[in-house]
Structures are given as structure tokens and as C-alpha cells.
Amino acid sequence: SDVMIHSSRGEGISNAILEGMYAGLPVIATNVGGIPETVYPASSMLFPYKDHEALYQCLLKSRELKSSFDPDSEDYKKHLAKFSVEAMVQRFEEIIEIVTKERN
């Protein structure tokens, strides 16, 4: 594949998008929910839900997107690390600690 396309009307953190990103694919996705926070800005294009013309324009530009970023860059790897299992567990532990301190 050359690009990951994800068209959703609502999404939190999309595992499908993360899988595409881990595969080093640029992402074209709807600008809904948690998608803007999930994607790496230099390797993604977002379009409004149900805007077929905007999706078409993103597809036309997708070759430029593929060549404009390095999936092996440290910055890209740091971005992906924010969504690792370890990072998510750490965030949940921090939330649990805050909630339990507030109750005591």
C-alpha cells in the first residue's frame, strides 16, 4: 500500500490508523473525534466527513505526502511511542493515582 485511507464519522484513537502509521504509511483520514490528535501532521491529510471532493483532492496529493516524510525519523518514532501499550498503561496509572488521591 502507498497510503492509509480512513473514512469515519466518529472515532477515538483509531487502531487502524495506528497500524497504518506503524507500517510507515501516510494517512488520509476524516477530521473527526480523536483522529487529528492521533495522526502525525507531516504524514497526514485530513478531510471533513462526507466531503468527497476534499477526499479526492487528498488522494491527488497523496504521492507528495508519501515522499515528504521519513517514517524512520526520531520525531515520527516519538509520536508513535505516545500510543504504545506502555504509554497507555502509564496514563491510566496516572489517572487512577489522581482519582484515588482525590477520594482520600
PDB file of N, CA and C in Angstrom:
ATOM      1  N   SER A   1       0.824  -1.190   0.000  1.00  0.00           N
ATOM      2  CA  SER A   1       0.000   0.000   0.000  1.00  0.00           C
ATOM      3  C   SER A   1       0.866   1.251   0.000  1.00  0.00           C
ATOM      4  N   ASP A   2       0.347   2.290  -0.596  1.00  0.00           N
ATOM      5  CA  ASP A   2       1.053   3.568  -0.632  1.00  0.00           C
ATOM      6  C   ASP A   2       0.520   4.556   0.389  1.00  0.00           C
ATOM      7  N   VAL A   3      -0.725   4.368   0.802  1.00  0.00           N
ATOM      8  CA  VAL A   3      -1.355   5.325   1.708  1.00  0.00           C
ATOM      9  C   VAL A   3      -2.454   4.619   2.498  1.00  0.00           C
ATOM     10  N   MET A   4      -2.684   5.080   3.718  1.00  0.00           N
ATOM     11  CA  MET A   4      -3.765   4.571   4.569  1.00  0.00           C
ATOM     12  C   MET A   4      -4.926   5.549   4.462  1.00  0.00           C
ATOM     13  N   ILE A   5      -6.092   5.064   4.040  1.00  0.00           N
ATOM     14  CA  ILE A   5      -7.282   5.909   3.960  1.00  0.00           C
ATOM     15  C   ILE A   5      -8.265   5.432   5.013  1.00  0.00           C
ATOM     16  N   HIS A   6      -8.716   6.365   5.840  1.00  0.00           N
ATOM     17  CA  HIS A   6      -9.635   6.022   6.926  1.00  0.00           C
ATOM     18  C   HIS A   6     -10.775   7.031   6.937  1.00  0.00           C
ATOM     19  N   SER A   7     -11.938   6.565   6.551  1.00  0.00           N
ATOM     20  CA  SER A   7     -13.114   7.436   6.496  1.00  0.00           C
ATOM     21  C   SER A   7     -14.075   7.016   7.596  1.00  0.00           C
ATOM     22  N   SER A   8     -14.200   7.855   8.603  1.00  0.00           N
ATOM     23  CA  SER A   8     -15.041   7.536   9.745  1.00  0.00           C
ATOM     24  C   SER A   8     -15.832   8.769  10.143  1.00  0.00           C
ATOM     25  N   ARG A   9     -17.046   8.550  10.610  1.00  0.00           N
ATOM     26  CA  ARG A   9     -17.836   9.703  11.059  1.00  0.00           C
ATOM     27  C   ARG A   9     -17.597  10.019  12.529  1.00  0.00           C
ATOM     28  N   GLY A  10     -16.966   9.103  13.237  1.00  0.00           N
ATOM     29  CA  GLY A  10     -16.638   9.308  14.639  1.00  0.00           C
ATOM     30  C   GLY A  10     -15.591   8.303  15.063  1.00  0.00           C
ATOM     31  N   GLU A  11     -14.609   8.751  15.825  1.00  0.00           N
ATOM     32  CA  GLU A  11     -13.507   7.868  16.177  1.00  0.00           C
ATOM     33  C   GLU A  11     -12.781   8.439  17.381  1.00  0.00           C
ATOM     34  N   GLY A  12     -12.301   7.560  18.234  1.00  0.00           N
ATOM     35  CA  GLY A  12     -11.419   7.980  19.316  1.00  0.00           C
ATOM     36  C   GLY A  12      -9.996   7.856  18.810  1.00  0.00           C
ATOM     37  N   ILE A  13      -9.235   6.989  19.428  1.00  0.00           N
ATOM     38  CA  ILE A  13      -7.908   6.657  18.917  1.00  0.00           C
ATOM     39  C   ILE A  13      -8.103   5.438  18.025  1.00  0.00           C
ATOM     40  N   SER A  14      -7.872   5.592  16.758  1.00  0.00           N
ATOM     41  CA  SER A  14      -8.129   4.528  15.796  1.00  0.00           C
ATOM     42  C   SER A  14      -6.959   3.556  15.717  1.00  0.00           C
ATOM     43  N   ASN A  15      -7.220   2.292  16.069  1.00  0.00           N
ATOM     44  CA  ASN A  15      -6.184   1.270  15.934  1.00  0.00           C
ATOM     45  C   ASN A  15      -5.799   1.069  14.476  1.00  0.00           C
ATOM     46  N   ALA A  16      -6.765   1.176  13.572  1.00  0.00           N
ATOM     47  CA  ALA A  16      -6.467   1.012  12.147  1.00  0.00           C
ATOM     48  C   ALA A  16      -5.477   2.077  11.679  1.00  0.00           C
ATOM     49  N   ILE A  17      -5.695   3.316  12.100  1.00  0.00           N
ATOM     50  CA  ILE A  17      -4.766   4.390  11.725  1.00  0.00           C
ATOM     51  C   ILE A  17      -3.393   4.132  12.336  1.00  0.00           C
ATOM     52  N   LEU A  18      -3.351   3.732  13.593  1.00  0.00           N
ATOM     53  CA  LEU A  18      -2.061   3.450  14.233  1.00  0.00           C
ATOM     54  C   LEU A  18      -1.327   2.328  13.511  1.00  0.00           C
ATOM     55  N   GLU A  19      -2.044   1.291  13.089  1.00  0.00           N
ATOM     56  CA  GLU A  19      -1.414   0.198  12.349  1.00  0.00           C
ATOM     57  C   GLU A  19      -0.827   0.703  11.039  1.00  0.00           C
ATOM     58  N   GLY A  20      -1.568   1.557  10.345  1.00  0.00           N
ATOM     59  CA  GLY A  20      -1.048   2.144   9.113  1.00  0.00           C
ATOM     60  C   GLY A  20       0.193   2.976   9.372  1.00  0.00           C
ATOM     61  N   MET A  21       0.160   3.748  10.453  1.00  0.00           N
ATOM     62  CA  MET A  21       1.312   4.581  10.798  1.00  0.00           C
ATOM     63  C   MET A  21       2.519   3.716  11.161  1.00  0.00           C
ATOM     64  N   TYR A  22       2.294   2.628  11.925  1.00  0.00           N
ATOM     65  CA  TYR A  22       3.395   1.730  12.266  1.00  0.00           C
ATOM     66  C   TYR A  22       3.982   1.071  11.023  1.00  0.00           C
ATOM     67  N   ALA A  23       3.166   0.921   9.977  1.00  0.00           N
ATOM     68  CA  ALA A  23       3.648   0.368   8.709  1.00  0.00           C
ATOM     69  C   ALA A  23       4.366   1.427   7.872  1.00  0.00           C
ATOM     70  N   GLY A  24       4.422   2.664   8.375  1.00  0.00           N
ATOM     71  CA  GLY A  24       5.114   3.732   7.672  1.00  0.00           C
ATOM     72  C   GLY A  24       4.305   4.380   6.569  1.00  0.00           C
ATOM     73  N   LEU A  25       2.987   4.188   6.615  1.00  0.00           N
ATOM     74  CA  LEU A  25       2.134   4.756   5.572  1.00  0.00           C
ATOM     75  C   LEU A  25       1.660   6.154   5.939  1.00  0.00           C
ATOM     76  N   PRO A  26       1.608   7.046   4.965  1.00  0.00           N
ATOM     77  CA  PRO A  26       0.941   8.319   5.210  1.00  0.00           C
ATOM     78  C   PRO A  26      -0.551   8.064   5.381  1.00  0.00           C
ATOM     79  N   VAL A  27      -1.228   8.953   6.087  1.00  0.00           N
ATOM     80  CA  VAL A  27      -2.637   8.745   6.423  1.00  0.00           C
ATOM     81  C   VAL A  27      -3.497   9.856   5.836  1.00  0.00           C
ATOM     82  N   ILE A  28      -4.570   9.444   5.184  1.00  0.00           N
ATOM     83  CA  ILE A  28      -5.633  10.352   4.760  1.00  0.00           C
ATOM     84  C   ILE A  28      -6.856   9.925   5.557  1.00  0.00           C
ATOM     85  N   ALA A  29      -7.405  10.842   6.351  1.00  0.00           N
ATOM     86  CA  ALA A  29      -8.497  10.457   7.243  1.00  0.00           C
ATOM     87  C   ALA A  29      -9.474  11.606   7.450  1.00  0.00           C
ATOM     88  N   THR A  30     -10.654  11.241   7.928  1.00  0.00           N
ATOM     89  CA  THR A  30     -11.649  12.256   8.253  1.00  0.00           C
ATOM     90  C   THR A  30     -11.206  13.035   9.489  1.00  0.00           C
ATOM     91  N   ASN A  31     -11.556  14.297   9.502  1.00  0.00           N
ATOM     92  CA  ASN A  31     -11.183  15.198  10.592  1.00  0.00           C
ATOM     93  C   ASN A  31     -12.267  15.142  11.674  1.00  0.00           C
ATOM     94  N   VAL A  32     -12.323  14.014  12.375  1.00  0.00           N
ATOM     95  CA  VAL A  32     -13.348  13.806  13.403  1.00  0.00           C
ATOM     96  C   VAL A  32     -12.716  13.213  14.658  1.00  0.00           C
ATOM     97  N   GLY A  33     -13.394  13.393  15.785  1.00  0.00           N
ATOM     98  CA  GLY A  33     -13.007  12.761  17.043  1.00  0.00           C
ATOM     99  C   GLY A  33     -11.547  12.945  17.396  1.00  0.00           C
ATOM    100  N   GLY A  34     -10.896  11.839  17.740  1.00  0.00           N
ATOM    101  CA  GLY A  34      -9.502  11.876  18.160  1.00  0.00           C
ATOM    102  C   GLY A  34      -8.502  11.710  17.035  1.00  0.00           C
ATOM    103  N   ILE A  35      -8.986  11.630  15.802  1.00  0.00           N
ATOM    104  CA  ILE A  35      -8.078  11.414  14.671  1.00  0.00           C
ATOM    105  C   ILE A  35      -7.041  12.526  14.534  1.00  0.00           C
ATOM    106  N   PRO A  36      -7.418  13.805  14.616  1.00  0.00           N
ATOM    107  CA  PRO A  36      -6.391  14.846  14.473  1.00  0.00           C
ATOM    108  C   PRO A  36      -5.262  14.743  15.505  1.00  0.00           C
ATOM    109  N   GLU A  37      -5.568  14.252  16.704  1.00  0.00           N
ATOM    110  CA  GLU A  37      -4.542  14.102  17.732  1.00  0.00           C
ATOM    111  C   GLU A  37      -3.714  12.842  17.525  1.00  0.00           C
ATOM    112  N   THR A  38      -4.260  11.882  16.789  1.00  0.00           N
ATOM    113  CA  THR A  38      -3.582  10.611  16.580  1.00  0.00           C
ATOM    114  C   THR A  38      -2.568  10.678  15.446  1.00  0.00           C
ATOM    115  N   VAL A  39      -2.941  11.279  14.342  1.00  0.00           N
ATOM    116  CA  VAL A  39      -2.075  11.277  13.165  1.00  0.00           C
ATOM    117  C   VAL A  39      -0.854  12.173  13.355  1.00  0.00           C
ATOM    118  N   TYR A  40       0.180  11.869  12.613  1.00  0.00           N
ATOM    119  CA  TYR A  40       1.405  12.674  12.600  1.00  0.00           C
ATOM    120  C   TYR A  40       1.231  13.745  11.530  1.00  0.00           C
ATOM    121  N   PRO A  41       1.279  15.023  11.905  1.00  0.00           N
ATOM    122  CA  PRO A  41       0.945  16.097  10.957  1.00  0.00           C
ATOM    123  C   PRO A  41       1.717  16.068   9.636  1.00  0.00           C
ATOM    124  N   ALA A  42       3.008  15.743   9.689  1.00  0.00           N
ATOM    125  CA  ALA A  42       3.813  15.767   8.466  1.00  0.00           C
ATOM    126  C   ALA A  42       3.504  14.614   7.520  1.00  0.00           C
ATOM    127  N   SER A  43       2.763  13.622   8.002  1.00  0.00           N
ATOM    128  CA  SER A  43       2.477  12.460   7.155  1.00  0.00           C
ATOM    129  C   SER A  43       0.985  12.205   7.018  1.00  0.00           C
ATOM    130  N   SER A  44       0.187  13.241   7.180  1.00  0.00           N
ATOM    131  CA  SER A  44      -1.255  13.017   7.104  1.00  0.00           C
ATOM    132  C   SER A  44      -1.971  14.195   6.461  1.00  0.00           C
ATOM    133  N   MET A  45      -3.138  13.888   5.935  1.00  0.00           N
ATOM    134  CA  MET A  45      -4.059  14.905   5.435  1.00  0.00           C
ATOM    135  C   MET A  45      -5.434  14.546   5.970  1.00  0.00           C
ATOM    136  N   LEU A  46      -6.143  15.545   6.451  1.00  0.00           N
ATOM    137  CA  LEU A  46      -7.476  15.329   6.994  1.00  0.00           C
ATOM    138  C   LEU A  46      -8.503  16.010   6.106  1.00  0.00           C
ATOM    139  N   PHE A  47      -9.679  15.409   6.032  1.00  0.00           N
ATOM    140  CA  PHE A  47     -10.765  15.992   5.249  1.00  0.00           C
ATOM    141  C   PHE A  47     -12.062  15.885   6.043  1.00  0.00           C
ATOM    142  N   PRO A  48     -13.005  16.790   5.819  1.00  0.00           N
ATOM    143  CA  PRO A  48     -14.277  16.744   6.542  1.00  0.00           C
ATOM    144  C   PRO A  48     -15.088  15.495   6.167  1.00  0.00           C
ATOM    145  N   TYR A  49     -15.779  14.957   7.150  1.00  0.00           N
ATOM    146  CA  TYR A  49     -16.644  13.800   6.926  1.00  0.00           C
ATOM    147  C   TYR A  49     -17.651  14.100   5.811  1.00  0.00           C
ATOM    148  N   LYS A  50     -17.812  13.159   4.919  1.00  0.00           N
ATOM    149  CA  LYS A  50     -18.727  13.212   3.769  1.00  0.00           C
ATOM    150  C   LYS A  50     -18.339  14.233   2.699  1.00  0.00           C
ATOM    151  N   ASP A  51     -17.149  14.800   2.784  1.00  0.00           N
ATOM    152  CA  ASP A  51     -16.700  15.745   1.758  1.00  0.00           C
ATOM    153  C   ASP A  51     -15.880  14.974   0.720  1.00  0.00           C
ATOM    154  N   HIS A  52     -16.567  14.439  -0.263  1.00  0.00           N
ATOM    155  CA  HIS A  52     -15.933  13.587  -1.266  1.00  0.00           C
ATOM    156  C   HIS A  52     -14.927  14.349  -2.120  1.00  0.00           C
ATOM    157  N   GLU A  53     -15.209  15.599  -2.392  1.00  0.00           N
ATOM    158  CA  GLU A  53     -14.272  16.413  -3.175  1.00  0.00           C
ATOM    159  C   GLU A  53     -12.964  16.608  -2.405  1.00  0.00           C
ATOM    160  N   ALA A  54     -13.057  16.857  -1.107  1.00  0.00           N
ATOM    161  CA  ALA A  54     -11.847  17.025  -0.293  1.00  0.00           C
ATOM    162  C   ALA A  54     -11.051  15.723  -0.238  1.00  0.00           C
ATOM    163  N   LEU A  55     -11.736  14.594  -0.130  1.00  0.00           N
ATOM    164  CA  LEU A  55     -11.056  13.297  -0.158  1.00  0.00           C
ATOM    165  C   LEU A  55     -10.340  13.113  -1.490  1.00  0.00           C
ATOM    166  N   TYR A  56     -11.012  13.445  -2.567  1.00  0.00           N
ATOM    167  CA  TYR A  56     -10.418  13.346  -3.902  1.00  0.00           C
ATOM    168  C   TYR A  56      -9.155  14.202  -3.995  1.00  0.00           C
ATOM    169  N   GLN A  57      -9.203  15.419  -3.481  1.00  0.00           N
ATOM    170  CA  GLN A  57      -8.033  16.302  -3.506  1.00  0.00           C
ATOM    171  C   GLN A  57      -6.886  15.716  -2.676  1.00  0.00           C
ATOM    172  N   CYS A  58      -7.215  15.112  -1.545  1.00  0.00           N
ATOM    173  CA  CYS A  58      -6.190  14.455  -0.727  1.00  0.00           C
ATOM    174  C   CYS A  58      -5.541  13.309  -1.497  1.00  0.00           C
ATOM    175  N   LEU A  59      -6.359  12.536  -2.194  1.00  0.00           N
ATOM    176  CA  LEU A  59      -5.821  11.422  -2.981  1.00  0.00           C
ATOM    177  C   LEU A  59      -4.880  11.923  -4.069  1.00  0.00           C
ATOM    178  N   LEU A  60      -5.237  13.024  -4.711  1.00  0.00           N
ATOM    179  CA  LEU A  60      -4.367  13.591  -5.741  1.00  0.00           C
ATOM    180  C   LEU A  60      -3.016  14.009  -5.164  1.00  0.00           C
ATOM    181  N   LYS A  61      -3.008  14.469  -3.929  1.00  0.00           N
ATOM    182  CA  LYS A  61      -1.781  14.949  -3.286  1.00  0.00           C
ATOM    183  C   LYS A  61      -1.030  13.844  -2.532  1.00  0.00           C
ATOM    184  N   SER A  62      -1.577  12.635  -2.520  1.00  0.00           N
ATOM    185  CA  SER A  62      -1.009  11.581  -1.676  1.00  0.00           C
ATOM    186  C   SER A  62       0.412  11.187  -2.068  1.00  0.00           C
ATOM    187  N   ARG A  63       0.767  11.273  -3.327  1.00  0.00           N
ATOM    188  CA  ARG A  63       2.148  10.939  -3.726  1.00  0.00           C
ATOM    189  C   ARG A  63       3.144  11.912  -3.102  1.00  0.00           C
ATOM    190  N   GLU A  64       2.769  13.191  -3.063  1.00  0.00           N
ATOM    191  CA  GLU A  64       3.634  14.188  -2.423  1.00  0.00           C
ATOM    192  C   GLU A  64       3.790  13.875  -0.939  1.00  0.00           C
ATOM    193  N   LEU A  65       2.697  13.460  -0.325  1.00  0.00           N
ATOM    194  CA  LEU A  65       2.710  13.145   1.103  1.00  0.00           C
ATOM    195  C   LEU A  65       3.661  11.996   1.390  1.00  0.00           C
ATOM    196  N   LYS A  66       3.619  10.965   0.568  1.00  0.00           N
ATOM    197  CA  LYS A  66       4.463   9.785   0.758  1.00  0.00           C
ATOM    198  C   LYS A  66       5.943  10.153   0.718  1.00  0.00           C
ATOM    199  N   SER A  67       6.307  11.073  -0.156  1.00  0.00           N
ATOM    200  CA  SER A  67       7.724  11.415  -0.305  1.00  0.00           C
ATOM    201  C   SER A  67       8.180  12.529   0.636  1.00  0.00           C
ATOM    202  N   SER A  68       7.250  13.129   1.372  1.00  0.00           N
ATOM    203  CA  SER A  68       7.613  14.298   2.176  1.00  0.00           C
ATOM    204  C   SER A  68       7.944  13.994   3.634  1.00  0.00           C
ATOM    205  N   PHE A  69       7.872  12.747   4.050  1.00  0.00           N
ATOM    206  CA  PHE A  69       8.213  12.446   5.443  1.00  0.00           C
ATOM    207  C   PHE A  69       9.029  11.171   5.533  1.00  0.00           C
ATOM    208  N   ASP A  70       9.749  11.035   6.633  1.00  0.00           N
ATOM    209  CA  ASP A  70      10.601   9.878   6.868  1.00  0.00           C
ATOM    210  C   ASP A  70      10.049   9.082   8.047  1.00  0.00           C
ATOM    211  N   PRO A  71       9.477   7.892   7.783  1.00  0.00           N
ATOM    212  CA  PRO A  71       8.923   7.100   8.888  1.00  0.00           C
ATOM    213  C   PRO A  71       9.983   6.585   9.861  1.00  0.00           C
ATOM    214  N   ASP A  72      11.249   6.736   9.508  1.00  0.00           N
ATOM    215  CA  ASP A  72      12.327   6.319  10.404  1.00  0.00           C
ATOM    216  C   ASP A  72      12.890   7.477  11.224  1.00  0.00           C
ATOM    217  N   SER A  73      12.304   8.664  11.082  1.00  0.00           N
ATOM    218  CA  SER A  73      12.807   9.820  11.832  1.00  0.00           C
ATOM    219  C   SER A  73      12.499   9.665  13.322  1.00  0.00           C
ATOM    220  N   GLU A  74      13.341  10.246  14.139  1.00  0.00           N
ATOM    221  CA  GLU A  74      13.148  10.178  15.591  1.00  0.00           C
ATOM    222  C   GLU A  74      11.844  10.846  16.011  1.00  0.00           C
ATOM    223  N   ASP A  75      11.500  11.946  15.368  1.00  0.00           N
ATOM    224  CA  ASP A  75      10.271  12.662  15.705  1.00  0.00           C
ATOM    225  C   ASP A  75       9.042  11.787  15.443  1.00  0.00           C
ATOM    226  N   TYR A  76       9.050  11.084  14.323  1.00  0.00           N
ATOM    227  CA  TYR A  76       7.935  10.191  13.984  1.00  0.00           C
ATOM    228  C   TYR A  76       7.846   9.048  14.996  1.00  0.00           C
ATOM    229  N   LYS A  77       8.990   8.479  15.340  1.00  0.00           N
ATOM    230  CA  LYS A  77       9.012   7.384  16.315  1.00  0.00           C
ATOM    231  C   LYS A  77       8.517   7.848  17.687  1.00  0.00           C
ATOM    232  N   LYS A  78       8.884   9.071  18.088  1.00  0.00           N
ATOM    233  CA  LYS A  78       8.406   9.616  19.364  1.00  0.00           C
ATOM    234  C   LYS A  78       6.893   9.786  19.343  1.00  0.00           C
ATOM    235  N   HIS A  79       6.373  10.244  18.205  1.00  0.00           N
ATOM    236  CA  HIS A  79       4.922  10.416  18.085  1.00  0.00           C
ATOM    237  C   HIS A  79       4.220   9.066  18.243  1.00  0.00           C
ATOM    238  N   LEU A  80       4.698   8.048  17.554  1.00  0.00           N
ATOM    239  CA  LEU A  80       4.087   6.720  17.657  1.00  0.00           C
ATOM    240  C   LEU A  80       4.206   6.154  19.068  1.00  0.00           C
ATOM    241  N   ALA A  81       5.305   6.439  19.746  1.00  0.00           N
ATOM    242  CA  ALA A  81       5.516   5.915  21.104  1.00  0.00           C
ATOM    243  C   ALA A  81       4.448   6.406  22.072  1.00  0.00           C
ATOM    244  N   LYS A  82       3.846   7.559  21.797  1.00  0.00           N
ATOM    245  CA  LYS A  82       2.783   8.078  22.672  1.00  0.00           C
ATOM    246  C   LYS A  82       1.566   7.159  22.686  1.00  0.00           C
ATOM    247  N   PHE A  83       1.448   6.287  21.684  1.00  0.00           N
ATOM    248  CA  PHE A  83       0.288   5.412  21.573  1.00  0.00           C
ATOM    249  C   PHE A  83       0.628   3.948  21.842  1.00  0.00           C
ATOM    250  N   SER A  84       1.823   3.702  22.379  1.00  0.00           N
ATOM    251  CA  SER A  84       2.214   2.330  22.699  1.00  0.00           C
ATOM    252  C   SER A  84       1.417   1.827  23.902  1.00  0.00           C
ATOM    253  N   VAL A  85       1.400   0.528  24.070  1.00  0.00           N
ATOM    254  CA  VAL A  85       0.711  -0.071  25.215  1.00  0.00           C
ATOM    255  C   VAL A  85       1.306   0.466  26.511  1.00  0.00           C
ATOM    256  N   GLU A  86       2.627   0.557  26.564  1.00  0.00           N
ATOM    257  CA  GLU A  86       3.292   1.043  27.772  1.00  0.00           C
ATOM    258  C   GLU A  86       2.867   2.474  28.106  1.00  0.00           C
ATOM    259  N   ALA A  87       2.796   3.317  27.085  1.00  0.00           N
ATOM    260  CA  ALA A  87       2.398   4.711  27.314  1.00  0.00           C
ATOM    261  C   ALA A  87       0.950   4.795  27.787  1.00  0.00           C
ATOM    262  N   MET A  88       0.083   3.984  27.204  1.00  0.00           N
ATOM    263  CA  MET A  88      -1.329   3.997  27.601  1.00  0.00           C
ATOM    264  C   MET A  88      -1.492   3.500  29.038  1.00  0.00           C
ATOM    265  N   VAL A  89      -0.777   2.434  29.399  1.00  0.00           N
ATOM    266  CA  VAL A  89      -0.841   1.912  30.767  1.00  0.00           C
ATOM    267  C   VAL A  89      -0.358   2.978  31.748  1.00  0.00           C
ATOM    268  N   GLN A  90       0.727   3.657  31.411  1.00  0.00           N
ATOM    269  CA  GLN A  90       1.243   4.710  32.286  1.00  0.00           C
ATOM    270  C   GLN A  90       0.202   5.811  32.476  1.00  0.00           C
ATOM    271  N   ARG A  91      -0.475   6.198  31.406  1.00  0.00           N
ATOM    272  CA  ARG A  91      -1.505   7.240  31.527  1.00  0.00           C
ATOM    273  C   ARG A  91      -2.654   6.786  32.421  1.00  0.00           C
ATOM    274  N   PHE A  92      -3.082   5.545  32.253  1.00  0.00           N
ATOM    275  CA  PHE A  92      -4.161   5.035  33.105  1.00  0.00           C
ATOM    276  C   PHE A  92      -3.730   4.993  34.566  1.00  0.00           C
ATOM    277  N   GLU A  93      -2.495   4.582  34.817  1.00  0.00           N
ATOM    278  CA  GLU A  93      -2.000   4.556  36.193  1.00  0.00           C
ATOM    279  C   GLU A  93      -1.983   5.958  36.795  1.00  0.00           C
ATOM    280  N   GLU A  94      -1.589   6.944  36.006  1.00  0.00           N
ATOM    281  CA  GLU A  94      -1.584   8.329  36.486  1.00  0.00           C
ATOM    282  C   GLU A  94      -2.998   8.805  36.812  1.00  0.00           C
ATOM    283  N   ILE A  95      -3.945   8.450  35.971  1.00  0.00           N
ATOM    284  CA  ILE A  95      -5.346   8.832  36.211  1.00  0.00           C
ATOM    285  C   ILE A  95      -5.868   8.174  37.478  1.00  0.00           C
ATOM    286  N   ILE A  96      -5.580   6.891  37.639  1.00  0.00           N
ATOM    287  CA  ILE A  96      -6.023   6.168  38.835  1.00  0.00           C
ATOM    288  C   ILE A  96      -5.415   6.794  40.086  1.00  0.00           C
ATOM    289  N   GLU A  97      -4.147   7.156  40.013  1.00  0.00           N
ATOM    290  CA  GLU A  97      -3.484   7.787  41.158  1.00  0.00           C
ATOM    291  C   GLU A  97      -4.147   9.122  41.506  1.00  0.00           C
ATOM    292  N   ILE A  98      -4.454   9.924  40.515  1.00  0.00           N
ATOM    293  CA  ILE A  98      -5.118  11.214  40.750  1.00  0.00           C
ATOM    294  C   ILE A  98      -6.487  11.005  41.382  1.00  0.00           C
ATOM    295  N   VAL A  99      -7.254  10.072  40.850  1.00  0.00           N
ATOM    296  CA  VAL A  99      -8.608   9.825  41.361  1.00  0.00           C
ATOM    297  C   VAL A  99      -8.564   9.303  42.791  1.00  0.00           C
ATOM    298  N   THR A 100      -7.647   8.388  43.080  1.00  0.00           N
ATOM    299  CA  THR A 100      -7.586   7.844  44.443  1.00  0.00           C
ATOM    300  C   THR A 100      -7.098   8.888  45.442  1.00  0.00           C
ATOM    301  N   LYS A 101      -6.213   9.777  45.030  1.00  0.00           N
ATOM    302  CA  LYS A 101      -5.771  10.860  45.922  1.00  0.00           C
ATOM    303  C   LYS A 101      -6.918  11.813  46.217  1.00  0.00           C
ATOM    304  N   GLU A 102      -7.744  12.084  45.217  1.00  0.00           N
ATOM    305  CA  GLU A 102      -8.885  12.987  45.410  1.00  0.00           C
ATOM    306  C   GLU A 102      -9.914  12.391  46.363  1.00  0.00           C
ATOM    307  N   ARG A 103     -10.042  11.082  46.384  1.00  0.00           N
ATOM    308  CA  ARG A 103     -11.019  10.431  47.262  1.00  0.00           C
ATOM    309  C   ARG A 103     -10.538  10.377  48.703  1.00  0.00           C
ATOM    310  N   ASN A 104      -9.243  10.416  48.896  1.00  0.00           N
ATOM    311  CA  ASN A 104      -8.690  10.322  50.257  1.00  0.00           C
ATOM    312  C   ASN A 104      -8.542  11.668  50.806  1.00  0.00           C
TER     313      ASN A 104
END
